[in-house]
N, C-alpha and C. Protein backbone atom coordinates (compact mmCIF):
# COMPACT_ATOMS: atom_id res chain seq x y z
N GLN A 1 142.82 -37.57 -164.76
CA GLN A 1 143.29 -36.42 -165.53
C GLN A 1 144.31 -35.65 -164.70
N VAL A 2 145.47 -35.42 -165.30
CA VAL A 2 146.54 -34.72 -164.61
C VAL A 2 146.37 -33.23 -164.84
N HIS A 3 146.33 -32.48 -163.75
CA HIS A 3 146.11 -31.04 -163.87
C HIS A 3 147.38 -30.21 -163.69
N LEU A 4 148.31 -30.71 -162.87
CA LEU A 4 149.52 -29.97 -162.56
C LEU A 4 150.71 -30.93 -162.58
N VAL A 5 151.77 -30.55 -163.27
CA VAL A 5 152.98 -31.37 -163.32
C VAL A 5 154.20 -30.49 -163.17
N GLU A 6 154.97 -30.76 -162.12
CA GLU A 6 156.18 -29.99 -161.87
C GLU A 6 157.39 -30.62 -162.57
N SER A 7 158.39 -29.79 -162.83
CA SER A 7 159.66 -30.28 -163.38
C SER A 7 160.76 -29.30 -163.02
N GLY A 8 162.00 -29.73 -163.20
CA GLY A 8 163.14 -28.85 -162.98
C GLY A 8 163.94 -29.15 -161.73
N GLY A 9 163.47 -30.08 -160.93
CA GLY A 9 164.20 -30.43 -159.72
C GLY A 9 165.45 -31.24 -160.03
N GLY A 10 166.23 -31.52 -159.00
CA GLY A 10 167.46 -32.30 -159.16
C GLY A 10 168.42 -32.00 -158.04
N ALA A 11 169.69 -32.31 -158.27
CA ALA A 11 170.75 -32.07 -157.29
C ALA A 11 171.54 -30.84 -157.68
N PHE A 12 171.73 -29.94 -156.72
CA PHE A 12 172.39 -28.67 -157.00
C PHE A 12 173.38 -28.34 -155.91
N GLN A 13 174.31 -27.46 -156.23
CA GLN A 13 175.29 -26.99 -155.26
C GLN A 13 174.79 -25.72 -154.59
N ALA A 14 175.14 -25.55 -153.34
CA ALA A 14 174.82 -24.31 -152.64
C ALA A 14 175.41 -23.13 -153.41
N GLY A 15 174.65 -22.06 -153.44
CA GLY A 15 175.07 -20.88 -154.17
C GLY A 15 174.61 -20.86 -155.61
N GLY A 16 174.13 -21.97 -156.10
CA GLY A 16 173.65 -22.06 -157.47
C GLY A 16 172.23 -21.55 -157.61
N CYS A 17 171.66 -21.80 -158.79
CA CYS A 17 170.29 -21.37 -159.04
C CYS A 17 169.58 -22.42 -159.88
N LEU A 18 168.26 -22.33 -159.88
CA LEU A 18 167.47 -23.25 -160.69
C LEU A 18 166.12 -22.62 -160.97
N ASN A 19 165.42 -23.18 -161.94
CA ASN A 19 164.10 -22.69 -162.29
C ASN A 19 163.15 -23.88 -162.36
N LEU A 20 162.20 -23.91 -161.46
CA LEU A 20 161.19 -24.96 -161.48
C LEU A 20 160.03 -24.55 -162.39
N SER A 21 159.44 -25.53 -163.02
CA SER A 21 158.29 -25.28 -163.89
C SER A 21 157.11 -26.11 -163.43
N CYS A 22 155.92 -25.61 -163.71
CA CYS A 22 154.69 -26.35 -163.43
C CYS A 22 153.77 -26.17 -164.62
N ALA A 23 153.52 -27.25 -165.32
CA ALA A 23 152.59 -27.22 -166.45
C ALA A 23 151.19 -27.49 -165.94
N ALA A 24 150.27 -26.59 -166.24
CA ALA A 24 148.89 -26.72 -165.78
C ALA A 24 147.95 -26.96 -166.94
N SER A 25 146.83 -27.58 -166.63
CA SER A 25 145.79 -27.69 -167.65
C SER A 25 145.24 -26.29 -167.93
N ALA A 26 144.68 -26.10 -169.11
CA ALA A 26 144.20 -24.78 -169.49
C ALA A 26 143.14 -24.27 -168.52
N TYR A 27 142.25 -25.16 -168.08
CA TYR A 27 141.18 -24.75 -167.17
C TYR A 27 141.74 -24.30 -165.83
N ILE A 28 142.64 -25.08 -165.30
CA ILE A 28 143.24 -24.72 -164.02
C ILE A 28 143.97 -23.39 -164.12
N TYR A 29 144.76 -23.25 -165.17
CA TYR A 29 145.55 -22.04 -165.31
C TYR A 29 144.67 -20.80 -165.42
N ALA A 30 143.56 -20.93 -166.12
CA ALA A 30 142.70 -19.77 -166.35
C ALA A 30 141.84 -19.40 -165.15
N ASN A 31 141.55 -20.37 -164.29
CA ASN A 31 140.52 -20.14 -163.27
C ASN A 31 140.99 -20.24 -161.81
N TYR A 32 142.19 -20.78 -161.61
CA TYR A 32 142.64 -21.03 -160.25
C TYR A 32 143.79 -20.10 -159.85
N TYR A 33 143.88 -19.84 -158.56
CA TYR A 33 145.10 -19.23 -158.02
C TYR A 33 146.16 -20.33 -157.96
N MET A 34 147.38 -19.99 -158.30
CA MET A 34 148.44 -20.99 -158.33
C MET A 34 149.61 -20.56 -157.45
N SER A 35 150.18 -21.53 -156.76
CA SER A 35 151.23 -21.24 -155.80
C SER A 35 152.25 -22.36 -155.76
N TRP A 36 153.40 -22.05 -155.16
CA TRP A 36 154.43 -23.05 -154.90
C TRP A 36 154.51 -23.31 -153.40
N PHE A 37 154.66 -24.58 -153.06
CA PHE A 37 154.88 -25.01 -151.69
C PHE A 37 156.10 -25.92 -151.66
N ARG A 38 156.63 -26.13 -150.47
CA ARG A 38 157.71 -27.10 -150.34
C ARG A 38 157.53 -27.88 -149.04
N HIS A 39 158.07 -29.10 -149.07
CA HIS A 39 157.95 -29.99 -147.92
C HIS A 39 159.28 -30.67 -147.70
N ALA A 40 159.93 -30.28 -146.61
CA ALA A 40 161.22 -30.88 -146.26
C ALA A 40 160.99 -31.99 -145.24
N PRO A 41 161.85 -32.99 -145.21
CA PRO A 41 161.70 -34.09 -144.26
C PRO A 41 161.67 -33.57 -142.83
N GLY A 42 160.69 -34.03 -142.06
CA GLY A 42 160.60 -33.64 -140.66
C GLY A 42 159.97 -32.29 -140.42
N LYS A 43 159.54 -31.64 -141.48
CA LYS A 43 158.93 -30.32 -141.35
C LYS A 43 157.54 -30.32 -141.98
N GLU A 44 156.76 -29.32 -141.63
CA GLU A 44 155.46 -29.17 -142.25
C GLU A 44 155.61 -28.57 -143.65
N ARG A 45 154.62 -28.87 -144.48
CA ARG A 45 154.60 -28.25 -145.80
C ARG A 45 154.44 -26.75 -145.62
N GLU A 46 155.24 -25.97 -146.34
CA GLU A 46 155.18 -24.52 -146.18
C GLU A 46 154.99 -23.83 -147.52
N GLY A 47 154.30 -22.71 -147.47
CA GLY A 47 154.10 -21.92 -148.67
C GLY A 47 155.39 -21.22 -149.06
N VAL A 48 155.59 -21.10 -150.36
CA VAL A 48 156.77 -20.41 -150.88
C VAL A 48 156.34 -19.10 -151.53
N ALA A 49 155.47 -19.20 -152.52
CA ALA A 49 155.05 -18.00 -153.24
C ALA A 49 153.75 -18.27 -153.97
N SER A 50 153.00 -17.20 -154.19
CA SER A 50 151.72 -17.30 -154.89
C SER A 50 151.62 -16.17 -155.90
N ILE A 51 150.91 -16.41 -156.98
CA ILE A 51 150.76 -15.38 -158.00
C ILE A 51 149.29 -15.31 -158.42
N GLU A 52 148.80 -14.10 -158.56
CA GLU A 52 147.42 -13.89 -158.96
C GLU A 52 147.33 -13.79 -160.48
N ARG A 53 146.10 -13.78 -160.96
CA ARG A 53 145.90 -13.68 -162.41
C ARG A 53 146.41 -12.35 -162.96
N ASN A 54 146.42 -11.30 -162.10
CA ASN A 54 146.95 -10.01 -162.55
C ASN A 54 148.45 -9.88 -162.30
N CYS A 55 149.06 -11.00 -161.92
CA CYS A 55 150.51 -11.11 -161.68
C CYS A 55 150.98 -10.50 -160.38
N ASN A 56 150.08 -10.07 -159.51
CA ASN A 56 150.50 -9.71 -158.16
C ASN A 56 151.05 -10.95 -157.47
N THR A 57 152.08 -10.77 -156.68
CA THR A 57 152.74 -11.91 -156.05
C THR A 57 152.76 -11.78 -154.53
N ILE A 58 152.78 -12.92 -153.90
CA ILE A 58 152.89 -13.00 -152.44
C ILE A 58 153.99 -14.00 -152.14
N TYR A 59 154.87 -13.66 -151.19
CA TYR A 59 155.95 -14.54 -150.80
C TYR A 59 155.96 -14.74 -149.30
N THR A 60 156.34 -15.92 -148.88
CA THR A 60 156.68 -16.12 -147.48
C THR A 60 157.91 -15.26 -147.20
N ASP A 61 157.93 -14.61 -146.06
CA ASP A 61 158.98 -13.63 -145.78
C ASP A 61 160.39 -14.20 -145.99
N SER A 62 160.61 -15.42 -145.56
CA SER A 62 161.96 -15.99 -145.65
C SER A 62 162.37 -16.29 -147.08
N MET A 63 161.42 -16.27 -148.01
CA MET A 63 161.73 -16.56 -149.41
C MET A 63 161.95 -15.30 -150.24
N LYS A 64 161.57 -14.16 -149.68
CA LYS A 64 161.69 -12.92 -150.45
C LYS A 64 163.15 -12.64 -150.77
N GLY A 65 163.38 -12.17 -151.98
CA GLY A 65 164.72 -11.79 -152.38
C GLY A 65 165.47 -12.88 -153.11
N ARG A 66 165.26 -14.15 -152.74
CA ARG A 66 165.97 -15.24 -153.41
C ARG A 66 165.09 -15.97 -154.42
N PHE A 67 163.78 -15.99 -154.16
CA PHE A 67 162.85 -16.73 -155.01
C PHE A 67 161.97 -15.76 -155.79
N THR A 68 161.65 -16.12 -157.02
CA THR A 68 160.75 -15.32 -157.85
C THR A 68 159.75 -16.22 -158.53
N ILE A 69 158.47 -15.94 -158.31
CA ILE A 69 157.41 -16.69 -158.97
C ILE A 69 156.97 -15.92 -160.21
N SER A 70 156.66 -16.65 -161.26
CA SER A 70 156.18 -16.01 -162.49
C SER A 70 155.30 -17.01 -163.23
N LYS A 71 154.64 -16.51 -164.28
CA LYS A 71 153.80 -17.41 -165.06
C LYS A 71 153.83 -17.02 -166.52
N ASP A 72 153.50 -17.97 -167.37
CA ASP A 72 153.52 -17.78 -168.82
C ASP A 72 152.16 -18.14 -169.38
N ASN A 73 151.41 -17.16 -169.77
CA ASN A 73 150.05 -17.40 -170.26
C ASN A 73 150.05 -18.24 -171.55
N ALA A 74 151.05 -18.08 -172.37
CA ALA A 74 151.09 -18.81 -173.64
C ALA A 74 151.25 -20.31 -173.44
N ASN A 75 151.88 -20.68 -172.33
CA ASN A 75 152.16 -22.10 -172.08
C ASN A 75 151.42 -22.67 -170.88
N ASN A 76 150.50 -21.88 -170.30
CA ASN A 76 149.76 -22.34 -169.10
C ASN A 76 150.73 -22.86 -168.04
N SER A 77 151.79 -22.13 -167.81
CA SER A 77 152.83 -22.62 -166.91
C SER A 77 153.17 -21.63 -165.80
N LEU A 78 153.56 -22.20 -164.69
CA LEU A 78 153.99 -21.47 -163.51
C LEU A 78 155.47 -21.77 -163.30
N TYR A 79 156.22 -20.79 -162.83
CA TYR A 79 157.65 -20.98 -162.63
C TYR A 79 158.07 -20.49 -161.25
N LEU A 80 159.20 -21.05 -160.79
CA LEU A 80 159.81 -20.58 -159.56
C LEU A 80 161.31 -20.51 -159.79
N GLN A 81 161.83 -19.29 -159.86
CA GLN A 81 163.26 -19.08 -159.98
C GLN A 81 163.85 -19.04 -158.58
N MET A 82 164.84 -19.89 -158.32
CA MET A 82 165.45 -19.97 -157.01
C MET A 82 166.93 -19.64 -157.14
N ASN A 83 167.36 -18.58 -156.47
CA ASN A 83 168.75 -18.13 -156.55
C ASN A 83 169.47 -18.34 -155.23
N ASN A 84 170.79 -18.32 -155.30
CA ASN A 84 171.63 -18.46 -154.11
C ASN A 84 171.14 -19.61 -153.24
N LEU A 85 171.10 -20.78 -153.83
CA LEU A 85 170.55 -21.95 -153.16
C LEU A 85 171.30 -22.26 -151.87
N LYS A 86 170.54 -22.75 -150.89
CA LYS A 86 171.09 -23.14 -149.60
C LYS A 86 170.69 -24.58 -149.30
N PRO A 87 171.48 -25.29 -148.51
CA PRO A 87 171.11 -26.67 -148.18
C PRO A 87 169.71 -26.76 -147.56
N GLU A 88 169.31 -25.74 -146.83
CA GLU A 88 167.97 -25.77 -146.22
C GLU A 88 166.85 -25.61 -147.23
N ASP A 89 167.18 -25.36 -148.48
CA ASP A 89 166.16 -25.34 -149.54
C ASP A 89 165.82 -26.76 -150.01
N THR A 90 166.56 -27.74 -149.53
CA THR A 90 166.29 -29.12 -149.91
C THR A 90 164.89 -29.52 -149.46
N ALA A 91 164.08 -29.93 -150.42
CA ALA A 91 162.68 -30.26 -150.14
C ALA A 91 162.04 -30.78 -151.41
N MET A 92 160.84 -31.33 -151.25
CA MET A 92 159.99 -31.60 -152.41
C MET A 92 159.21 -30.32 -152.66
N TYR A 93 159.22 -29.88 -153.89
CA TYR A 93 158.52 -28.65 -154.26
C TYR A 93 157.27 -29.00 -155.05
N TYR A 94 156.17 -28.37 -154.64
CA TYR A 94 154.87 -28.66 -155.23
C TYR A 94 154.24 -27.41 -155.82
N CYS A 95 153.57 -27.63 -156.92
CA CYS A 95 152.71 -26.62 -157.51
C CYS A 95 151.28 -26.95 -157.05
N ALA A 96 150.53 -25.94 -156.64
CA ALA A 96 149.17 -26.17 -156.16
C ALA A 96 148.23 -25.10 -156.69
N ALA A 97 146.95 -25.44 -156.75
CA ALA A 97 145.96 -24.51 -157.28
C ALA A 97 144.71 -24.52 -156.40
N ALA A 98 144.12 -23.34 -156.26
CA ALA A 98 142.89 -23.19 -155.49
C ALA A 98 141.94 -22.28 -156.25
N LEU A 99 140.64 -22.60 -156.18
CA LEU A 99 139.68 -21.87 -156.99
C LEU A 99 139.37 -20.49 -156.44
N ILE A 100 139.02 -20.43 -155.19
CA ILE A 100 138.68 -19.16 -154.56
C ILE A 100 139.46 -19.05 -153.27
N LEU A 101 140.28 -17.99 -153.16
CA LEU A 101 141.16 -17.91 -152.01
C LEU A 101 141.50 -16.47 -151.71
N PRO A 102 141.09 -15.95 -150.54
CA PRO A 102 141.48 -14.58 -150.19
C PRO A 102 142.98 -14.49 -149.95
N PRO A 103 143.54 -13.31 -150.06
CA PRO A 103 145.00 -13.16 -149.98
C PRO A 103 145.62 -13.76 -148.72
N GLU A 104 144.91 -13.67 -147.60
CA GLU A 104 145.50 -14.15 -146.35
C GLU A 104 145.65 -15.66 -146.31
N TRP A 105 145.04 -16.38 -147.24
CA TRP A 105 145.13 -17.84 -147.28
C TRP A 105 145.98 -18.36 -148.43
N ARG A 106 146.54 -17.49 -149.22
CA ARG A 106 147.21 -17.93 -150.45
C ARG A 106 148.43 -18.79 -150.20
N LEU A 107 149.03 -18.72 -149.02
CA LEU A 107 150.21 -19.54 -148.72
C LEU A 107 149.90 -20.59 -147.66
N SER A 108 148.63 -20.92 -147.53
CA SER A 108 148.18 -21.95 -146.59
C SER A 108 147.88 -23.22 -147.37
N ALA A 109 148.69 -24.23 -147.15
CA ALA A 109 148.56 -25.48 -147.91
C ALA A 109 147.20 -26.13 -147.75
N ALA A 110 146.60 -25.99 -146.58
CA ALA A 110 145.32 -26.65 -146.31
C ALA A 110 144.19 -26.13 -147.18
N LYS A 111 144.38 -24.97 -147.77
CA LYS A 111 143.31 -24.36 -148.56
C LYS A 111 143.36 -24.77 -150.03
N TYR A 112 144.33 -25.56 -150.41
CA TYR A 112 144.49 -25.91 -151.82
C TYR A 112 143.93 -27.29 -152.11
N SER A 113 143.21 -27.38 -153.23
CA SER A 113 142.55 -28.63 -153.59
C SER A 113 143.27 -29.41 -154.68
N ARG A 114 144.09 -28.74 -155.44
CA ARG A 114 144.78 -29.38 -156.56
C ARG A 114 146.28 -29.32 -156.33
N TRP A 115 146.94 -30.47 -156.47
CA TRP A 115 148.37 -30.56 -156.23
C TRP A 115 149.04 -31.37 -157.34
N GLY A 116 150.24 -30.95 -157.69
CA GLY A 116 151.04 -31.76 -158.58
C GLY A 116 151.77 -32.82 -157.77
N PRO A 117 152.43 -33.76 -158.43
CA PRO A 117 153.15 -34.84 -157.73
C PRO A 117 154.42 -34.36 -157.05
N GLY A 118 154.91 -33.18 -157.43
CA GLY A 118 156.11 -32.63 -156.80
C GLY A 118 157.38 -32.92 -157.58
N THR A 119 158.40 -32.11 -157.31
CA THR A 119 159.72 -32.33 -157.88
C THR A 119 160.75 -32.10 -156.77
N GLN A 120 161.67 -33.04 -156.65
CA GLN A 120 162.63 -33.00 -155.54
C GLN A 120 163.79 -32.07 -155.87
N VAL A 121 164.10 -31.19 -154.93
CA VAL A 121 165.28 -30.33 -155.03
C VAL A 121 166.20 -30.67 -153.88
N THR A 122 167.44 -31.02 -154.21
CA THR A 122 168.44 -31.34 -153.19
C THR A 122 169.63 -30.42 -153.38
N VAL A 123 169.96 -29.69 -152.32
CA VAL A 123 171.06 -28.73 -152.37
C VAL A 123 172.15 -29.18 -151.41
N SER A 124 173.34 -29.37 -151.94
CA SER A 124 174.46 -29.80 -151.11
C SER A 124 175.44 -28.66 -150.91
N SER A 125 176.11 -28.69 -149.76
CA SER A 125 177.04 -27.61 -149.43
C SER A 125 178.42 -27.85 -150.01
């Protein structure tokens, strides 16, 4: 059973923007904390942003200002708006979900049990 599926990746030019989507199962969306992570070649997987059920958001400091996480209750979906793209944003982007997670762990990949297959974002200069 597929719980999380990302979409919206592709090849983009630096300075552009894109919106990633993550379709979640109804159960996951209603009961889990959901976040975005990314994994670039040669680097560790890193947290991007997390959103709570009350829509409070948490961002990795380096992502603040350019990235915006949001969700749509009607469609059980999570989104990541990425603006002013940079080549260093090139990575596989993942949607992840965790059942119980205190705020200090929301951007820690090791704490997440559910992962989508990812969507590749490539930014060229």
